[in-house]
Every structure is written in structure tokens, then in C-alpha cells.
Amino acid sequence: MSRTPLRLAGGLLAVLCAVLVARPAAAEPRPSNPQGATVSLAATTVAAGQAIRFTGTGFVNEGERGQIVTIKLDDVDILGDVTASDSGAISGAVTIPAGTPAGSHWLRFLAGSGAENDGPARSLATDQFTVTAGGGTTTSPTPQVPGGELPKTGVDSAGWLAGALILPAAGLVLLVVERRRRQRAATADPR
């Protein structure tokens, strides 16, 4: 029996694992859907563990009240919430977690839950800013967004997803190989 199908299956599984588990070094923010909102940062560089100030406008809902705006770092970590004024203005500061790796990052401002009078939904990414490991240029210390820093929730499911895709694929490859082996054995030894 030729080992080529098994080698091919092993190679395909290795490539699939590498593709599913690999992560980009620095992701780009997803496209924004500001619906008329604007946001700006007070600094382009901040040290990990320090606060960065922001201001924004246009965060008003259909009921002409200020929206609750959630602020995320790199579309992953929730840093806090701020409530816009009835004119839609927001301002404040969020603390960049001390464990944030140095490099380019962005903040995402999310508003509008889709509930009645809470639209339109807004998603706005800031320009990228640089996080330094420490001792870099920082904004002046300011109070944190009300509610404080929130813990990261959820599960990193990349490994589970890779397993969920690889195991059935491996089973299918082994099933095909076994069927071909049986067909060859049956044609070689007719009884």
C-alpha cells in the first residue's frame, strides 16, 4: 500500500492547523460605522498602564438623548463605558492596561443597542496610537471612565475551533484511505 495518501493527509492537517491557530502580529481595526459621530484622542503615544484622554460628538439616539458608549481596546478588551450628554458629546479618559504590548493600537467606540429609541448603532475606531512599555510620553493622569476597568471576559477559542475542524477532517481522510485499501484488497484477491 502506498503511503502517499497518508502523507498528503498529514501535510493538509499541518497546514490547516497552522492557518487556524496562527494570529496576525498586529491586526487592523474593522471598518467604522460612525453614523455622524466623531472621536479624537488627546495623544498619539501612551505608556501601558497610563490613561489616554478622548473627546467625541454625535452620540445621540433617536430619542434625542445621549447614548451609552462602550470603549474597547483593539476590538477586544472593554476599557469602560461613558454616557454622552443630551447633545451627544463625550469626553474622558481610559487606562490602557499595564499588560498591553508595545506597538500600534486603537480604541473602538460602540453605541446603540438596537433597542427602541437607542439607535442608530455606531461603531467608530480611532486612528492608531502607540503604546510604549513604560516611561514614554503619556497624557496627564485623569480620572478613569466611570465604572472603572472591566475584566476581560470570554474564552480564547482558537484551539477548540482548530480541533473541531481538524478532527472531522482527519476522520474523513482516514475513512477514504481505508475504503481505498479495502477496494484494492478486494480486487487483488477475488474469492
Protein backbone atom coordinates (compact mmCIF):
# COMPACT_ATOMS: atom_id res chain seq x y z
CA MET A 1 0.00 0.00 0.00
CA SER A 2 1.26 3.44 -0.91
CA ARG A 3 1.91 5.89 1.91
CA THR A 4 1.23 8.90 -0.34
CA PRO A 5 -2.42 9.44 0.80
CA LEU A 6 -1.34 9.36 4.45
CA ARG A 7 1.49 11.82 3.81
CA LEU A 8 -0.87 14.06 1.87
CA ALA A 9 -3.44 13.91 4.68
CA GLY A 10 -0.78 14.69 7.29
CA GLY A 11 0.50 17.63 5.26
CA LEU A 12 -3.00 19.02 4.79
CA LEU A 13 -3.70 18.72 8.52
CA ALA A 14 -0.46 20.51 9.36
CA VAL A 15 -1.27 23.37 7.00
CA LEU A 16 -4.83 23.60 8.35
CA CYS A 17 -3.53 23.73 11.93
CA ALA A 18 -1.05 26.46 11.06
CA VAL A 19 -3.69 28.57 9.33
CA LEU A 20 -6.29 28.22 12.08
CA VAL A 21 -4.01 28.73 15.06
CA ALA A 22 -1.75 31.46 13.63
CA ARG A 23 -2.66 35.02 14.55
CA PRO A 24 -1.55 38.22 12.87
CA ALA A 25 1.12 40.21 14.71
CA ALA A 26 -0.84 43.45 14.54
CA ALA A 27 -4.41 43.44 13.35
CA GLU A 28 -6.10 46.35 11.66
CA PRO A 29 -9.33 47.76 13.07
CA ARG A 30 -12.56 46.67 11.43
CA PRO A 31 -14.29 49.33 9.34
CA SER A 32 -16.16 52.02 11.21
CA ASN A 33 -19.86 52.85 11.03
CA PRO A 34 -19.89 56.24 12.77
CA GLN A 35 -23.38 57.42 11.69
CA GLY A 36 -22.23 61.03 12.13
CA ALA A 37 -20.22 60.52 15.33
CA THR A 38 -16.62 61.69 15.68
CA VAL A 39 -13.90 60.83 18.20
CA SER A 40 -10.39 62.15 18.75
CA LEU A 41 -7.59 61.26 21.13
CA ALA A 42 -5.51 63.81 23.05
CA ALA A 43 -2.24 61.92 22.46
CA THR A 44 -0.63 59.71 19.87
CA THR A 45 1.58 57.89 22.39
CA VAL A 46 0.78 56.49 25.82
CA ALA A 47 2.61 54.18 28.23
CA ALA A 48 0.95 50.90 29.16
CA GLY A 49 -0.84 51.39 32.48
CA GLN A 50 -1.46 55.10 31.83
CA ALA A 51 -4.61 56.98 30.78
CA ILE A 52 -5.37 58.40 27.37
CA ARG A 53 -7.93 61.19 27.02
CA PHE A 54 -10.63 61.32 24.35
CA THR A 55 -13.41 63.60 23.17
CA GLY A 56 -16.28 62.92 20.81
CA THR A 57 -19.53 64.22 19.40
CA GLY A 58 -22.64 62.85 17.72
CA PHE A 59 -23.53 60.09 20.20
CA VAL A 60 -27.23 60.93 20.45
CA ASN A 61 -30.03 58.39 20.00
CA GLU A 62 -33.33 58.60 18.12
CA GLY A 63 -34.99 59.85 21.31
CA GLU A 64 -32.52 62.77 21.27
CA ARG A 65 -30.77 61.62 24.43
CA GLY A 66 -27.12 60.81 24.96
CA GLN A 67 -26.13 57.22 24.25
CA ILE A 68 -24.10 54.92 26.46
CA VAL A 69 -20.78 54.43 24.68
CA THR A 70 -18.60 51.35 25.30
CA ILE A 71 -14.87 51.78 24.74
CA LYS A 72 -12.73 48.81 23.65
CA LEU A 73 -9.02 48.42 23.02
CA ASP A 74 -8.20 46.75 19.67
CA ASP A 75 -11.78 45.45 19.37
CA VAL A 76 -11.04 43.03 22.24
CA ASP A 77 -10.67 44.42 25.77
CA ILE A 78 -13.52 46.53 27.17
CA LEU A 79 -11.97 49.51 28.94
CA GLY A 80 -15.18 51.14 30.16
CA ASP A 81 -18.38 52.99 29.35
CA VAL A 82 -19.25 56.65 29.20
CA THR A 83 -22.67 58.29 28.85
CA ALA A 84 -22.94 61.03 26.25
CA SER A 85 -24.62 64.30 27.12
CA ASP A 86 -28.02 65.04 25.55
CA SER A 87 -26.12 66.92 22.83
CA GLY A 88 -24.17 63.71 22.08
CA ALA A 89 -20.81 64.89 23.46
CA ILE A 90 -18.43 62.57 25.29
CA SER A 91 -15.11 63.20 26.99
CA GLY A 92 -12.98 61.38 29.49
CA ALA A 93 -10.03 59.06 29.74
CA VAL A 94 -9.44 55.33 29.74
CA THR A 95 -6.48 53.50 31.20
CA ILE A 96 -4.54 51.31 28.80
CA PRO A 97 -4.00 48.00 30.67
CA ALA A 98 -0.47 47.58 32.05
CA GLY A 99 -0.04 44.29 30.17
CA THR A 100 -0.75 45.83 26.75
CA PRO A 101 2.12 45.01 24.38
CA ALA A 102 4.10 47.92 22.97
CA GLY A 103 3.15 48.93 19.44
CA SER A 104 0.20 50.28 17.45
CA HIS A 105 -3.28 50.05 18.94
CA TRP A 106 -6.68 51.72 18.54
CA LEU A 107 -9.82 52.37 20.55
CA ARG A 108 -13.30 51.36 19.37
CA PHE A 109 -16.31 53.42 20.50
CA LEU A 110 -19.61 51.47 20.33
CA ALA A 111 -23.08 52.93 20.90
CA GLY A 112 -26.66 51.95 20.17
CA SER A 113 -28.04 48.64 21.35
CA GLY A 114 -30.75 48.34 18.72
CA ALA A 115 -33.45 48.72 21.39
CA GLU A 116 -36.26 51.16 20.74
CA ASN A 117 -35.05 54.78 20.75
CA ASP A 118 -31.43 53.67 21.21
CA GLY A 119 -30.37 53.73 17.55
CA PRO A 120 -28.64 54.23 15.36
CA ALA A 121 -25.91 51.73 16.14
CA ARG A 122 -22.48 53.31 15.90
CA SER A 123 -19.04 51.74 15.71
CA LEU A 124 -16.11 54.11 15.43
CA ALA A 125 -12.39 53.24 15.53
CA THR A 126 -9.86 55.92 16.38
CA ASP A 127 -6.66 56.49 14.49
CA GLN A 128 -3.93 54.18 15.71
CA PHE A 129 -1.79 55.33 18.61
CA THR A 130 1.45 53.94 20.03
CA VAL A 131 1.66 52.16 23.36
CA THR A 132 5.10 52.13 24.96
CA ALA A 133 6.31 49.63 27.53
CA GLY A 134 6.64 52.35 30.15
CA GLY A 135 8.21 55.71 30.74
CA GLY A 136 7.08 57.03 27.33
CA THR A 137 5.07 60.16 26.63
CA THR A 138 1.78 59.94 28.46
CA THR A 139 -1.24 62.06 28.99
CA SER A 140 -1.64 63.73 32.34
CA PRO A 141 -3.25 61.49 34.95
CA THR A 142 -7.01 61.93 34.88
CA PRO A 143 -9.93 60.15 36.44
CA GLN A 144 -10.90 56.91 34.81
CA VAL A 145 -14.17 56.40 32.94
CA PRO A 146 -16.98 55.81 35.47
CA GLY A 147 -17.25 52.13 36.29
CA GLY A 148 -13.51 51.54 36.19
CA GLU A 149 -11.60 48.98 34.19
CA LEU A 150 -13.62 45.91 33.35
CA PRO A 151 -12.17 42.41 33.32
CA LYS A 152 -11.59 40.62 30.05
CA THR A 153 -14.32 38.03 29.59
CA GLY A 154 -14.81 35.11 27.26
CA VAL A 155 -12.62 32.28 26.14
CA ASP A 156 -9.82 32.11 23.60
CA SER A 157 -11.45 29.51 21.39
CA ALA A 158 -8.85 29.26 18.60
CA GLY A 159 -7.54 25.91 19.86
CA TRP A 160 -11.01 24.46 20.29
CA LEU A 161 -12.04 25.68 16.86
CA ALA A 162 -8.94 24.16 15.27
CA GLY A 163 -9.68 20.84 16.98
CA ALA A 164 -13.33 20.94 15.97
CA LEU A 165 -12.32 21.38 12.32
CA ILE A 166 -9.25 19.15 12.22
CA LEU A 167 -10.65 16.04 13.89
CA PRO A 168 -13.58 15.53 11.48
CA ALA A 169 -11.28 16.29 8.53
CA ALA A 170 -8.77 13.72 9.78
CA GLY A 171 -11.56 11.18 10.24
CA LEU A 172 -12.79 11.78 6.70
CA VAL A 173 -9.28 11.35 5.27
CA LEU A 174 -8.77 8.11 7.21
CA LEU A 175 -12.18 6.82 6.07
CA VAL A 176 -11.29 7.46 2.41
CA VAL A 177 -7.89 5.82 2.82
CA GLU A 178 -9.43 2.74 4.47
CA ARG A 179 -12.10 2.39 1.76
CA ARG A 180 -9.47 2.56 -0.96
CA ARG A 181 -7.36 -0.03 0.85
CA ARG A 182 -10.34 -2.39 1.09
CA GLN A 183 -11.21 -1.85 -2.59
CA ARG A 184 -7.65 -2.70 -3.61
CA ALA A 185 -7.61 -5.75 -1.38
CA ALA A 186 -10.94 -6.93 -2.82
CA THR A 187 -9.80 -6.54 -6.44
CA ALA A 188 -6.44 -8.19 -5.79
CA ASP A 189 -7.93 -11.22 -4.00
CA PRO A 190 -11.31 -12.17 -5.56
CA ARG A 191 -12.98 -15.03 -3.64
